[in-house]
Protein backbone atom coordinates (compact mmCIF):
# COMPACT_ATOMS: atom_id res chain seq x y z
CA UNK A 1 6.02 7.69 -1.14
CA UNK A 2 6.18 8.16 -4.88
CA UNK A 3 3.69 6.02 -6.81
CA UNK A 4 6.43 4.04 -8.56
CA UNK A 5 8.21 3.27 -5.27
CA UNK A 6 5.16 1.71 -3.62
CA UNK A 7 5.53 -1.69 -5.27
CA UNK A 8 7.70 -3.10 -2.49
CA UNK A 9 5.31 -1.78 0.14
CA UNK A 10 2.32 -3.36 -1.58
CA UNK A 11 4.25 -6.63 -1.83
CA UNK A 12 5.09 -6.41 1.88
CA UNK A 13 1.42 -5.91 2.68
CA UNK A 14 0.51 -8.92 0.51
CA UNK A 15 3.11 -11.07 2.32
CA UNK A 16 1.72 -9.97 5.70
CA UNK A 17 -1.81 -10.89 4.61
CA UNK A 18 -0.61 -14.34 3.50
CA UNK A 19 1.60 -14.93 6.56
CA UNK A 20 -1.33 -14.21 8.88
CA UNK A 21 -3.67 -16.73 7.27
CA UNK A 22 -5.70 -14.30 5.18
CA UNK A 23 -6.16 -13.98 1.45
CA UNK A 24 -6.54 -10.94 -0.74
CA UNK A 25 -10.05 -10.43 -2.06
CA UNK A 26 -9.46 -7.53 -4.42
CA UNK A 27 -7.04 -5.01 -5.82
CA UNK A 28 -4.75 -2.91 -3.62
CA UNK A 29 -4.90 0.86 -3.86
CA UNK A 30 -2.93 3.83 -2.64
CA UNK A 31 -4.69 6.76 -1.00
CA UNK A 32 -2.62 9.94 -0.91
CA UNK A 33 -3.47 11.72 2.35
CA UNK A 34 -0.94 14.56 2.15
CA UNK A 35 0.82 15.68 -1.03
CA UNK A 36 3.21 18.53 -0.33
CA UNK A 37 5.45 19.83 -3.10
CA UNK A 38 8.24 17.35 -2.29
CA UNK A 39 7.00 13.81 -3.13
CA UNK A 40 9.35 12.33 -0.52
CA UNK A 41 7.15 13.95 2.15
CA UNK A 42 3.87 12.51 0.90
CA UNK A 43 1.74 10.53 3.35
CA UNK A 44 0.22 7.51 1.64
CA UNK A 45 -2.19 4.88 2.97
CA UNK A 46 -2.14 1.42 1.41
CA UNK A 47 -5.48 -0.39 1.27
CA UNK A 48 -6.11 -3.99 0.30
CA UNK A 49 -9.28 -5.94 0.98
CA UNK A 50 -8.74 -9.35 2.57
CA UNK A 51 -10.68 -12.14 4.19
């Protein structure tokens, strides 16, 4: 996932948090687990604290 393409994924995560009765308690972040030469093959973990 390219950094600029993650916006929809972060928004999806925020909607899931809201739909399941939680609320965000901080800023989301992206953790790049694997970054091969081709950005389309990157493995990215989205993290967002919630309560």
